Amino acid sequence: MHIHGSCLCGAVTLSSHSDSIAGIVQCFCVDCQKHLGNFAPWVICEKETTTIEGQVGVYRSSETAERLFCENCGASLAKRPLEGQKILVAAGIFERPLSLPVIKQVFTEEKQPWMEG
């Protein structure tokens, strides 16, 4: 079974095999905050079972990762580590409801005070 998603305008679609999804990691790093204006809930997917089609832009955001976005509407799609077998897909792009557990929070020491709640 696959789960499907798309960017805001629909120009980019994404599909990932649900059996390969580990869950959601919430990232509070400064890069994610600057990129999204908030913390980032990422769905951890396998690169080899995830398909992204459409006008995808790529921005090398660090020495270890690049970020994918729709070239048409600018929606954030994913964070792709340069090494390893995982891709972190923005949880909000998937069709609703997305019933996955939050399995981890990272960079919690970088949370803004307003992120506590």
PDB file of N, CA and C in Angstrom:
ATOM      1  N   MET A   1       0.840  -1.191   0.000  1.00  0.00           N
ATOM      2  CA  MET A   1       0.000   0.000   0.000  1.00  0.00           C
ATOM      3  C   MET A   1       0.883   1.251   0.000  1.00  0.00           C
ATOM      4  N   HIS A   2       0.440   2.268  -0.703  1.00  0.00           N
ATOM      5  CA  HIS A   2       1.174   3.521  -0.791  1.00  0.00           C
ATOM      6  C   HIS A   2       0.374   4.643  -0.133  1.00  0.00           C
ATOM      7  N   ILE A   3       1.100   5.641   0.370  1.00  0.00           N
ATOM      8  CA  ILE A   3       0.455   6.875   0.783  1.00  0.00           C
ATOM      9  C   ILE A   3       0.864   7.946  -0.219  1.00  0.00           C
ATOM     10  N   HIS A   4      -0.026   8.885  -0.453  1.00  0.00           N
ATOM     11  CA  HIS A   4       0.182   9.870  -1.504  1.00  0.00           C
ATOM     12  C   HIS A   4       0.074  11.282  -0.945  1.00  0.00           C
ATOM     13  N   GLY A   5       0.777  12.194  -1.609  1.00  0.00           N
ATOM     14  CA  GLY A   5       0.712  13.589  -1.228  1.00  0.00           C
ATOM     15  C   GLY A   5       1.024  14.478  -2.409  1.00  0.00           C
ATOM     16  N   SER A   6       0.915  15.787  -2.160  1.00  0.00           N
ATOM     17  CA  SER A   6       1.221  16.748  -3.214  1.00  0.00           C
ATOM     18  C   SER A   6       1.557  18.089  -2.582  1.00  0.00           C
ATOM     19  N   CYS A   7       2.122  18.963  -3.397  1.00  0.00           N
ATOM     20  CA  CYS A   7       2.412  20.325  -2.960  1.00  0.00           C
ATOM     21  C   CYS A   7       1.114  21.131  -2.958  1.00  0.00           C
ATOM     22  N   LEU A   8       1.196  22.389  -2.600  1.00  0.00           N
ATOM     23  CA  LEU A   8       0.033  23.263  -2.512  1.00  0.00           C
ATOM     24  C   LEU A   8      -0.698  23.415  -3.846  1.00  0.00           C
ATOM     25  N   CYS A   9       0.043  23.563  -4.936  1.00  0.00           N
ATOM     26  CA  CYS A   9      -0.589  23.767  -6.243  1.00  0.00           C
ATOM     27  C   CYS A   9      -0.874  22.463  -6.992  1.00  0.00           C
ATOM     28  N   GLY A  10      -0.335  21.346  -6.521  1.00  0.00           N
ATOM     29  CA  GLY A  10      -0.563  20.055  -7.161  1.00  0.00           C
ATOM     30  C   GLY A  10       0.405  19.714  -8.276  1.00  0.00           C
ATOM     31  N   ALA A  11       1.372  20.583  -8.556  1.00  0.00           N
ATOM     32  CA  ALA A  11       2.328  20.337  -9.641  1.00  0.00           C
ATOM     33  C   ALA A  11       3.324  19.230  -9.301  1.00  0.00           C
ATOM     34  N   VAL A  12       3.544  18.990  -7.998  1.00  0.00           N
ATOM     35  CA  VAL A  12       4.448  17.925  -7.569  1.00  0.00           C
ATOM     36  C   VAL A  12       3.639  16.912  -6.766  1.00  0.00           C
ATOM     37  N   THR A  13       3.813  15.655  -7.094  1.00  0.00           N
ATOM     38  CA  THR A  13       3.165  14.587  -6.342  1.00  0.00           C
ATOM     39  C   THR A  13       4.228  13.682  -5.736  1.00  0.00           C
ATOM     40  N   LEU A  14       3.843  13.032  -4.666  1.00  0.00           N
ATOM     41  CA  LEU A  14       4.758  12.155  -3.952  1.00  0.00           C
ATOM     42  C   LEU A  14       4.011  10.908  -3.529  1.00  0.00           C
ATOM     43  N   SER A  15       4.684   9.790  -3.589  1.00  0.00           N
ATOM     44  CA  SER A  15       4.115   8.518  -3.168  1.00  0.00           C
ATOM     45  C   SER A  15       5.197   7.722  -2.445  1.00  0.00           C
ATOM     46  N   SER A  16       4.811   7.068  -1.361  1.00  0.00           N
ATOM     47  CA  SER A  16       5.763   6.236  -0.628  1.00  0.00           C
ATOM     48  C   SER A  16       5.063   4.979  -0.159  1.00  0.00           C
ATOM     49  N   HIS A  17       5.782   3.875  -0.160  1.00  0.00           N
ATOM     50  CA  HIS A  17       5.229   2.602   0.280  1.00  0.00           C
ATOM     51  C   HIS A  17       5.048   2.653   1.795  1.00  0.00           C
ATOM     52  N   SER A  18       3.834   2.454   2.247  1.00  0.00           N
ATOM     53  CA  SER A  18       3.519   2.631   3.666  1.00  0.00           C
ATOM     54  C   SER A  18       4.247   1.643   4.578  1.00  0.00           C
ATOM     55  N   ASP A  19       4.598   0.478   4.080  1.00  0.00           N
ATOM     56  CA  ASP A  19       5.317  -0.501   4.905  1.00  0.00           C
ATOM     57  C   ASP A  19       6.727  -0.052   5.254  1.00  0.00           C
ATOM     58  N   SER A  20       7.265   0.903   4.499  1.00  0.00           N
ATOM     59  CA  SER A  20       8.633   1.355   4.741  1.00  0.00           C
ATOM     60  C   SER A  20       8.692   2.621   5.587  1.00  0.00           C
ATOM     61  N   ILE A  21       7.544   3.106   6.069  1.00  0.00           N
ATOM     62  CA  ILE A  21       7.494   4.344   6.836  1.00  0.00           C
ATOM     63  C   ILE A  21       7.648   4.042   8.323  1.00  0.00           C
ATOM     64  N   ALA A  22       8.608   4.709   8.947  1.00  0.00           N
ATOM     65  CA  ALA A  22       8.894   4.468  10.365  1.00  0.00           C
ATOM     66  C   ALA A  22       7.986   5.272  11.281  1.00  0.00           C
ATOM     67  N   GLY A  23       7.565   6.451  10.870  1.00  0.00           N
ATOM     68  CA  GLY A  23       6.769   7.339  11.700  1.00  0.00           C
ATOM     69  C   GLY A  23       7.194   8.772  11.465  1.00  0.00           C
ATOM     70  N   ILE A  24       6.864   9.646  12.416  1.00  0.00           N
ATOM     71  CA  ILE A  24       7.151  11.073  12.282  1.00  0.00           C
ATOM     72  C   ILE A  24       8.205  11.486  13.296  1.00  0.00           C
ATOM     73  N   VAL A  25       9.180  12.256  12.818  1.00  0.00           N
ATOM     74  CA  VAL A  25      10.149  12.893  13.708  1.00  0.00           C
ATOM     75  C   VAL A  25       9.878  14.388  13.663  1.00  0.00           C
ATOM     76  N   GLN A  26       9.792  15.004  14.824  1.00  0.00           N
ATOM     77  CA  GLN A  26       9.600  16.443  14.911  1.00  0.00           C
ATOM     78  C   GLN A  26      10.966  17.086  15.116  1.00  0.00           C
ATOM     79  N   CYS A  27      11.361  17.942  14.164  1.00  0.00           N
ATOM     80  CA  CYS A  27      12.667  18.585  14.218  1.00  0.00           C
ATOM     81  C   CYS A  27      12.514  20.056  14.574  1.00  0.00           C
ATOM     82  N   PHE A  28      13.271  20.486  15.579  1.00  0.00           N
ATOM     83  CA  PHE A  28      13.234  21.867  16.047  1.00  0.00           C
ATOM     84  C   PHE A  28      14.530  22.615  15.729  1.00  0.00           C
ATOM     85  N   CYS A  29      15.351  22.099  14.801  1.00  0.00           N
ATOM     86  CA  CYS A  29      16.622  22.750  14.492  1.00  0.00           C
ATOM     87  C   CYS A  29      16.374  24.121  13.863  1.00  0.00           C
ATOM     88  N   VAL A  30      17.375  24.979  13.974  1.00  0.00           N
ATOM     89  CA  VAL A  30      17.261  26.333  13.443  1.00  0.00           C
ATOM     90  C   VAL A  30      17.046  26.313  11.928  1.00  0.00           C
ATOM     91  N   ASP A  31      17.694  25.394  11.208  1.00  0.00           N
ATOM     92  CA  ASP A  31      17.508  25.319   9.755  1.00  0.00           C
ATOM     93  C   ASP A  31      16.051  25.043   9.397  1.00  0.00           C
ATOM     94  N   CYS A  32      15.416  24.099  10.086  1.00  0.00           N
ATOM     95  CA  CYS A  32      14.003  23.799   9.812  1.00  0.00           C
ATOM     96  C   CYS A  32      13.127  24.988  10.173  1.00  0.00           C
ATOM     97  N   GLN A  33      13.460  25.671  11.283  1.00  0.00           N
ATOM     98  CA  GLN A  33      12.690  26.851  11.670  1.00  0.00           C
ATOM     99  C   GLN A  33      12.781  27.937  10.600  1.00  0.00           C
ATOM    100  N   LYS A  34      13.983  28.151  10.072  1.00  0.00           N
ATOM    101  CA  LYS A  34      14.159  29.172   9.038  1.00  0.00           C
ATOM    102  C   LYS A  34      13.483  28.755   7.733  1.00  0.00           C
ATOM    103  N   HIS A  35      13.552  27.476   7.419  1.00  0.00           N
ATOM    104  CA  HIS A  35      12.977  26.972   6.169  1.00  0.00           C
ATOM    105  C   HIS A  35      11.448  27.018   6.188  1.00  0.00           C
ATOM    106  N   LEU A  36      10.850  26.645   7.322  1.00  0.00           N
ATOM    107  CA  LEU A  36       9.393  26.522   7.387  1.00  0.00           C
ATOM    108  C   LEU A  36       8.707  27.594   8.220  1.00  0.00           C
ATOM    109  N   GLY A  37       9.496  28.355   9.000  1.00  0.00           N
ATOM    110  CA  GLY A  37       8.896  29.324   9.889  1.00  0.00           C
ATOM    111  C   GLY A  37       8.315  28.676  11.134  1.00  0.00           C
ATOM    112  N   ASN A  38       8.690  27.443  11.388  1.00  0.00           N
ATOM    113  CA  ASN A  38       8.122  26.672  12.476  1.00  0.00           C
ATOM    114  C   ASN A  38       9.008  25.449  12.684  1.00  0.00           C
ATOM    115  N   PHE A  39       8.599  24.539  13.570  1.00  0.00           N
ATOM    116  CA  PHE A  39       9.298  23.264  13.648  1.00  0.00           C
ATOM    117  C   PHE A  39       8.862  22.412  12.463  1.00  0.00           C
ATOM    118  N   ALA A  40       9.558  21.319  12.210  1.00  0.00           N
ATOM    119  CA  ALA A  40       9.254  20.495  11.042  1.00  0.00           C
ATOM    120  C   ALA A  40       8.834  19.085  11.449  1.00  0.00           C
ATOM    121  N   PRO A  41       7.593  18.703  11.142  1.00  0.00           N
ATOM    122  CA  PRO A  41       7.199  17.303  11.306  1.00  0.00           C
ATOM    123  C   PRO A  41       7.533  16.540  10.014  1.00  0.00           C
ATOM    124  N   TRP A  42       8.515  15.671  10.097  1.00  0.00           N
ATOM    125  CA  TRP A  42       8.975  14.916   8.928  1.00  0.00           C
ATOM    126  C   TRP A  42       8.526  13.466   9.027  1.00  0.00           C
ATOM    127  N   VAL A  43       7.996  12.922   7.936  1.00  0.00           N
ATOM    128  CA  VAL A  43       7.686  11.493   7.836  1.00  0.00           C
ATOM    129  C   VAL A  43       8.943  10.804   7.326  1.00  0.00           C
ATOM    130  N   ILE A  44       9.414   9.824   8.072  1.00  0.00           N
ATOM    131  CA  ILE A  44      10.647   9.125   7.712  1.00  0.00           C
ATOM    132  C   ILE A  44      10.305   8.022   6.706  1.00  0.00           C
ATOM    133  N   CYS A  45      10.788   8.182   5.478  1.00  0.00           N
ATOM    134  CA  CYS A  45      10.509   7.238   4.397  1.00  0.00           C
ATOM    135  C   CYS A  45      11.813   6.662   3.849  1.00  0.00           C
ATOM    136  N   GLU A  46      11.716   5.555   3.176  1.00  0.00           N
ATOM    137  CA  GLU A  46      12.850   4.971   2.466  1.00  0.00           C
ATOM    138  C   GLU A  46      12.988   5.665   1.104  1.00  0.00           C
ATOM    139  N   LYS A  47      14.201   6.057   0.760  1.00  0.00           N
ATOM    140  CA  LYS A  47      14.435   6.711  -0.532  1.00  0.00           C
ATOM    141  C   LYS A  47      13.988   5.823  -1.690  1.00  0.00           C
ATOM    142  N   GLU A  48      14.314   4.542  -1.623  1.00  0.00           N
ATOM    143  CA  GLU A  48      14.060   3.665  -2.770  1.00  0.00           C
ATOM    144  C   GLU A  48      12.578   3.371  -2.995  1.00  0.00           C
ATOM    145  N   THR A  49      11.723   3.572  -1.992  1.00  0.00           N
ATOM    146  CA  THR A  49      10.296   3.308  -2.176  1.00  0.00           C
ATOM    147  C   THR A  49       9.480   4.601  -2.203  1.00  0.00           C
ATOM    148  N   THR A  50      10.154   5.738  -2.349  1.00  0.00           N
ATOM    149  CA  THR A  50       9.483   7.030  -2.408  1.00  0.00           C
ATOM    150  C   THR A  50       9.692   7.636  -3.790  1.00  0.00           C
ATOM    151  N   THR A  51       8.595   8.023  -4.424  1.00  0.00           N
ATOM    152  CA  THR A  51       8.635   8.600  -5.766  1.00  0.00           C
ATOM    153  C   THR A  51       8.143  10.042  -5.703  1.00  0.00           C
ATOM    154  N   ILE A  52       8.923  10.956  -6.273  1.00  0.00           N
ATOM    155  CA  ILE A  52       8.538  12.358  -6.354  1.00  0.00           C
ATOM    156  C   ILE A  52       8.541  12.744  -7.821  1.00  0.00           C
ATOM    157  N   GLU A  53       7.409  13.282  -8.294  1.00  0.00           N
ATOM    158  CA  GLU A  53       7.285  13.659  -9.699  1.00  0.00           C
ATOM    159  C   GLU A  53       6.821  15.096  -9.822  1.00  0.00           C
ATOM    160  N   GLY A  54       7.360  15.805 -10.786  1.00  0.00           N
ATOM    161  CA  GLY A  54       6.958  17.178 -11.048  1.00  0.00           C
ATOM    162  C   GLY A  54       8.146  18.116 -11.033  1.00  0.00           C
ATOM    163  N   GLN A  55       7.867  19.403 -10.947  1.00  0.00           N
ATOM    164  CA  GLN A  55       8.889  20.445 -10.998  1.00  0.00           C
ATOM    165  C   GLN A  55       9.488  20.642  -9.609  1.00  0.00           C
ATOM    166  N   VAL A  56      10.491  19.843  -9.288  1.00  0.00           N
ATOM    167  CA  VAL A  56      11.101  19.867  -7.961  1.00  0.00           C
ATOM    168  C   VAL A  56      12.390  20.681  -7.991  1.00  0.00           C
ATOM    169  N   GLY A  57      12.464  21.673  -7.124  1.00  0.00           N
ATOM    170  CA  GLY A  57      13.686  22.434  -6.933  1.00  0.00           C
ATOM    171  C   GLY A  57      14.485  21.810  -5.804  1.00  0.00           C
ATOM    172  N   VAL A  58      15.787  21.998  -5.842  1.00  0.00           N
ATOM    173  CA  VAL A  58      16.676  21.434  -4.826  1.00  0.00           C
ATOM    174  C   VAL A  58      17.560  22.547  -4.283  1.00  0.00           C
ATOM    175  N   TYR A  59      17.633  22.633  -2.958  1.00  0.00           N
ATOM    176  CA  TYR A  59      18.499  23.611  -2.300  1.00  0.00           C
ATOM    177  C   TYR A  59      19.405  22.868  -1.331  1.00  0.00           C
ATOM    178  N   ARG A  60      20.705  22.988  -1.508  1.00  0.00           N
ATOM    179  CA  ARG A  60      21.677  22.352  -0.598  1.00  0.00           C
ATOM    180  C   ARG A  60      21.749  23.198   0.664  1.00  0.00           C
ATOM    181  N   SER A  61      21.091  22.763   1.725  1.00  0.00           N
ATOM    182  CA  SER A  61      20.946  23.571   2.934  1.00  0.00           C
ATOM    183  C   SER A  61      22.047  23.355   3.964  1.00  0.00           C
ATOM    184  N   SER A  62      22.843  22.300   3.782  1.00  0.00           N
ATOM    185  CA  SER A  62      23.945  22.041   4.712  1.00  0.00           C
ATOM    186  C   SER A  62      24.945  21.114   4.042  1.00  0.00           C
ATOM    187  N   GLU A  63      25.973  20.785   4.772  1.00  0.00           N
ATOM    188  CA  GLU A  63      26.975  19.843   4.257  1.00  0.00           C
ATOM    189  C   GLU A  63      26.422  18.421   4.134  1.00  0.00           C
ATOM    190  N   THR A  64      25.303  18.154   4.826  1.00  0.00           N
ATOM    191  CA  THR A  64      24.804  16.780   4.894  1.00  0.00           C
ATOM    192  C   THR A  64      23.443  16.565   4.251  1.00  0.00           C
ATOM    193  N   ALA A  65      22.767  17.643   3.826  1.00  0.00           N
ATOM    194  CA  ALA A  65      21.401  17.457   3.320  1.00  0.00           C
ATOM    195  C   ALA A  65      21.020  18.528   2.304  1.00  0.00           C
ATOM    196  N   GLU A  66      19.994  18.202   1.529  1.00  0.00           N
ATOM    197  CA  GLU A  66      19.389  19.156   0.622  1.00  0.00           C
ATOM    198  C   GLU A  66      17.879  19.133   0.847  1.00  0.00           C
ATOM    199  N   ARG A  67      17.246  20.248   0.520  1.00  0.00           N
ATOM    200  CA  ARG A  67      15.806  20.381   0.720  1.00  0.00           C
ATOM    201  C   ARG A  67      15.129  20.475  -0.645  1.00  0.00           C
ATOM    202  N   LEU A  68      14.003  19.796  -0.747  1.00  0.00           N
ATOM    203  CA  LEU A  68      13.244  19.756  -1.987  1.00  0.00           C
ATOM    204  C   LEU A  68      12.001  20.626  -1.841  1.00  0.00           C
ATOM    205  N   PHE A  69      11.645  21.335  -2.905  1.00  0.00           N
ATOM    206  CA  PHE A  69      10.483  22.214  -2.886  1.00  0.00           C
ATOM    207  C   PHE A  69       9.869  22.270  -4.270  1.00  0.00           C
ATOM    208  N   CYS A  70       8.608  22.670  -4.341  1.00  0.00           N
ATOM    209  CA  CYS A  70       7.943  22.831  -5.630  1.00  0.00           C
ATOM    210  C   CYS A  70       8.436  24.117  -6.275  1.00  0.00           C
ATOM    211  N   GLU A  71       8.899  24.035  -7.502  1.00  0.00           N
ATOM    212  CA  GLU A  71       9.372  25.221  -8.210  1.00  0.00           C
ATOM    213  C   GLU A  71       8.241  26.174  -8.572  1.00  0.00           C
ATOM    214  N   ASN A  72       7.008  25.681  -8.586  1.00  0.00           N
ATOM    215  CA  ASN A  72       5.870  26.524  -8.953  1.00  0.00           C
ATOM    216  C   ASN A  72       5.302  27.283  -7.749  1.00  0.00           C
ATOM    217  N   CYS A  73       4.927  26.587  -6.680  1.00  0.00           N
ATOM    218  CA  CYS A  73       4.290  27.250  -5.533  1.00  0.00           C
ATOM    219  C   CYS A  73       5.231  27.457  -4.353  1.00  0.00           C
ATOM    220  N   GLY A  74       6.414  26.832  -4.369  1.00  0.00           N
ATOM    221  CA  GLY A  74       7.399  27.005  -3.308  1.00  0.00           C
ATOM    222  C   GLY A  74       7.188  26.126  -2.090  1.00  0.00           C
ATOM    223  N   ALA A  75       6.190  25.273  -2.110  1.00  0.00           N
ATOM    224  CA  ALA A  75       5.906  24.417  -0.952  1.00  0.00           C
ATOM    225  C   ALA A  75       7.090  23.506  -0.631  1.00  0.00           C
ATOM    226  N   SER A  76       7.380  23.389   0.659  1.00  0.00           N
ATOM    227  CA  SER A  76       8.426  22.485   1.116  1.00  0.00           C
ATOM    228  C   SER A  76       7.948  21.052   0.968  1.00  0.00           C
ATOM    229  N   LEU A  77       8.801  20.200   0.406  1.00  0.00           N
ATOM    230  CA  LEU A  77       8.428  18.813   0.167  1.00  0.00           C
ATOM    231  C   LEU A  77       9.191  17.834   1.043  1.00  0.00           C
ATOM    232  N   ALA A  78      10.502  18.017   1.133  1.00  0.00           N
ATOM    233  CA  ALA A  78      11.305  17.006   1.821  1.00  0.00           C
ATOM    234  C   ALA A  78      12.689  17.537   2.162  1.00  0.00           C
ATOM    235  N   LYS A  79      13.303  16.846   3.080  1.00  0.00           N
ATOM    236  CA  LYS A  79      14.717  17.047   3.401  1.00  0.00           C
ATOM    237  C   LYS A  79      15.395  15.730   3.072  1.00  0.00           C
ATOM    238  N   ARG A  80      16.383  15.777   2.188  1.00  0.00           N
ATOM    239  CA  ARG A  80      17.031  14.556   1.715  1.00  0.00           C
ATOM    240  C   ARG A  80      18.481  14.529   2.173  1.00  0.00           C
ATOM    241  N   PRO A  81      18.788  13.678   3.168  1.00  0.00           N
ATOM    242  CA  PRO A  81      20.191  13.513   3.565  1.00  0.00           C
ATOM    243  C   PRO A  81      21.000  13.002   2.372  1.00  0.00           C
ATOM    244  N   LEU A  82      22.228  13.483   2.233  1.00  0.00           N
ATOM    245  CA  LEU A  82      23.068  13.076   1.108  1.00  0.00           C
ATOM    246  C   LEU A  82      23.532  11.640   1.247  1.00  0.00           C
ATOM    247  N   GLU A  83      23.614  11.157   2.489  1.00  0.00           N
ATOM    248  CA  GLU A  83      24.012   9.770   2.726  1.00  0.00           C
ATOM    249  C   GLU A  83      22.866   9.028   3.385  1.00  0.00           C
ATOM    250  N   GLY A  84      22.883   7.718   3.272  1.00  0.00           N
ATOM    251  CA  GLY A  84      21.871   6.901   3.916  1.00  0.00           C
ATOM    252  C   GLY A  84      20.690   6.603   3.002  1.00  0.00           C
ATOM    253  N   GLN A  85      19.758   5.845   3.542  1.00  0.00           N
ATOM    254  CA  GLN A  85      18.633   5.340   2.761  1.00  0.00           C
ATOM    255  C   GLN A  85      17.309   6.034   3.057  1.00  0.00           C
ATOM    256  N   LYS A  86      17.328   7.047   3.912  1.00  0.00           N
ATOM    257  CA  LYS A  86      16.091   7.708   4.331  1.00  0.00           C
ATOM    258  C   LYS A  86      15.908   9.054   3.645  1.00  0.00           C
ATOM    259  N   ILE A  87      14.647   9.435   3.493  1.00  0.00           N
ATOM    260  CA  ILE A  87      14.267  10.776   3.066  1.00  0.00           C
ATOM    261  C   ILE A  87      13.199  11.235   4.047  1.00  0.00           C
ATOM    262  N   LEU A  88      13.262  12.498   4.434  1.00  0.00           N
ATOM    263  CA  LEU A  88      12.312  13.063   5.389  1.00  0.00           C
ATOM    264  C   LEU A  88      11.310  13.893   4.610  1.00  0.00           C
ATOM    265  N   VAL A  89      10.068  13.435   4.584  1.00  0.00           N
ATOM    266  CA  VAL A  89       9.032  14.081   3.788  1.00  0.00           C
ATOM    267  C   VAL A  89       8.137  14.918   4.703  1.00  0.00           C
ATOM    268  N   ALA A  90       7.822  16.138   4.276  1.00  0.00           N
ATOM    269  CA  ALA A  90       6.968  17.028   5.065  1.00  0.00           C
ATOM    270  C   ALA A  90       5.620  16.357   5.322  1.00  0.00           C
ATOM    271  N   ALA A  91       5.280  16.190   6.593  1.00  0.00           N
ATOM    272  CA  ALA A  91       4.068  15.457   6.968  1.00  0.00           C
ATOM    273  C   ALA A  91       2.807  16.101   6.398  1.00  0.00           C
ATOM    274  N   GLY A  92       2.796  17.419   6.281  1.00  0.00           N
ATOM    275  CA  GLY A  92       1.598  18.117   5.835  1.00  0.00           C
ATOM    276  C   GLY A  92       1.228  17.928   4.383  1.00  0.00           C
ATOM    277  N   ILE A  93       2.110  17.358   3.570  1.00  0.00           N
ATOM    278  CA  ILE A  93       1.775  17.203   2.147  1.00  0.00           C
ATOM    279  C   ILE A  93       0.977  15.940   1.860  1.00  0.00           C
ATOM    280  N   PHE A  94       0.901  15.033   2.830  1.00  0.00           N
ATOM    281  CA  PHE A  94       0.192  13.775   2.602  1.00  0.00           C
ATOM    282  C   PHE A  94      -1.315  13.959   2.721  1.00  0.00           C
ATOM    283  N   GLU A  95      -2.045  13.093   2.009  1.00  0.00           N
ATOM    284  CA  GLU A  95      -3.500  13.105   2.085  1.00  0.00           C
ATOM    285  C   GLU A  95      -3.938  12.825   3.514  1.00  0.00           C
ATOM    286  N   ARG A  96      -5.066  13.380   3.890  1.00  0.00           N
ATOM    287  CA  ARG A  96      -5.580  13.228   5.243  1.00  0.00           C
ATOM    288  C   ARG A  96      -6.501  12.017   5.325  1.00  0.00           C
ATOM    289  N   PRO A  97      -6.666  11.353   6.437  1.00  0.00           N
ATOM    290  CA  PRO A  97      -5.864  11.537   7.650  1.00  0.00           C
ATOM    291  C   PRO A  97      -4.549  10.772   7.559  1.00  0.00           C
ATOM    292  N   LEU A  98      -3.537  11.283   8.205  1.00  0.00           N
ATOM    293  CA  LEU A  98      -2.227  10.637   8.266  1.00  0.00           C
ATOM    294  C   LEU A  98      -2.049  10.136   9.695  1.00  0.00           C
ATOM    295  N   SER A  99      -2.277   8.871   9.888  1.00  0.00           N
ATOM    296  CA  SER A  99      -2.254   8.283  11.230  1.00  0.00           C
ATOM    297  C   SER A  99      -0.914   7.616  11.502  1.00  0.00           C
ATOM    298  N   LEU A 100       0.083   8.443  11.787  1.00  0.00           N
ATOM    299  CA  LEU A 100       1.413   7.927  12.103  1.00  0.00           C
ATOM    300  C   LEU A 100       1.828   8.447  13.473  1.00  0.00           C
ATOM    301  N   PRO A 101       2.554   7.644  14.225  1.00  0.00           N
ATOM    302  CA  PRO A 101       2.996   8.109  15.535  1.00  0.00           C
ATOM    303  C   PRO A 101       4.211   9.029  15.437  1.00  0.00           C
ATOM    304  N   VAL A 102       4.305   9.967  16.366  1.00  0.00           N
ATOM    305  CA  VAL A 102       5.531  10.741  16.531  1.00  0.00           C
ATOM    306  C   VAL A 102       6.483   9.840  17.299  1.00  0.00           C
ATOM    307  N   ILE A 103       7.600   9.490  16.669  1.00  0.00           N
ATOM    308  CA  ILE A 103       8.522   8.540  17.297  1.00  0.00           C
ATOM    309  C   ILE A 103       9.724   9.220  17.943  1.00  0.00           C
ATOM    310  N   LYS A 104       9.933  10.510  17.594  1.00  0.00           N
ATOM    311  CA  LYS A 104      11.112  11.180  18.135  1.00  0.00           C
ATOM    312  C   LYS A 104      10.988  12.686  17.956  1.00  0.00           C
ATOM    313  N   GLN A 105      11.571  13.433  18.891  1.00  0.00           N
ATOM    314  CA  GLN A 105      11.752  14.873  18.745  1.00  0.00           C
ATOM    315  C   GLN A 105      13.252  15.135  18.795  1.00  0.00           C
ATOM    316  N   VAL A 106      13.739  15.948  17.853  1.00  0.00           N
ATOM    317  CA  VAL A 106      15.168  16.236  17.799  1.00  0.00           C
ATOM    318  C   VAL A 106      15.410  17.740  17.854  1.00  0.00           C
ATOM    319  N   PHE A 107      16.609  18.108  18.333  1.00  0.00           N
ATOM    320  CA  PHE A 107      17.022  19.500  18.494  1.00  0.00           C
ATOM    321  C   PHE A 107      16.037  20.282  19.371  1.00  0.00           C
ATOM    322  N   THR A 108      15.521  19.626  20.395  1.00  0.00           N
ATOM    323  CA  THR A 108      14.548  20.273  21.281  1.00  0.00           C
ATOM    324  C   THR A 108      15.154  21.450  22.034  1.00  0.00           C
ATOM    325  N   GLU A 109      16.467  21.457  22.196  1.00  0.00           N
ATOM    326  CA  GLU A 109      17.124  22.576  22.873  1.00  0.00           C
ATOM    327  C   GLU A 109      17.070  23.860  22.037  1.00  0.00           C
ATOM    328  N   GLU A 110      16.715  23.755  20.766  1.00  0.00           N
ATOM    329  CA  GLU A 110      16.623  24.919  19.885  1.00  0.00           C
ATOM    330  C   GLU A 110      15.193  25.428  19.718  1.00  0.00           C
ATOM    331  N   LYS A 111      14.247  24.854  20.456  1.00  0.00           N
ATOM    332  CA  LYS A 111      12.851  25.298  20.385  1.00  0.00           C
ATOM    333  C   LYS A 111      12.747  26.764  20.789  1.00  0.00           C
ATOM    334  N   GLN A 112      11.883  27.490  20.098  1.00  0.00           N
ATOM    335  CA  GLN A 112      11.529  28.839  20.476  1.00  0.00           C
ATOM    336  C   GLN A 112      10.553  28.754  21.654  1.00  0.00           C
ATOM    337  N   PRO A 113      10.523  29.765  22.527  1.00  0.00           N
ATOM    338  CA  PRO A 113       9.595  29.724  23.671  1.00  0.00           C
ATOM    339  C   PRO A 113       8.141  29.519  23.246  1.00  0.00           C
ATOM    340  N   TRP A 114       7.730  30.079  22.115  1.00  0.00           N
ATOM    341  CA  TRP A 114       6.346  29.941  21.675  1.00  0.00           C
ATOM    342  C   TRP A 114       6.020  28.545  21.149  1.00  0.00           C
ATOM    343  N   MET A 115       7.039  27.689  20.966  1.00  0.00           N
ATOM    344  CA  MET A 115       6.797  26.321  20.500  1.00  0.00           C
ATOM    345  C   MET A 115       6.386  25.397  21.645  1.00  0.00           C
ATOM    346  N   GLU A 116       6.530  25.855  22.855  1.00  0.00           N
ATOM    347  CA  GLU A 116       6.086  25.073  24.009  1.00  0.00           C
ATOM    348  C   GLU A 116       4.590  25.251  24.127  1.00  0.00           C
ATOM    349  N   GLY A 117       3.913  24.198  24.471  1.00  0.00           N
ATOM    350  CA  GLY A 117       2.483  24.399  24.581  1.00  0.00           C
ATOM    351  C   GLY A 117       1.818  23.285  25.168  1.00  0.00           C
TER     352      GLY A 117
END
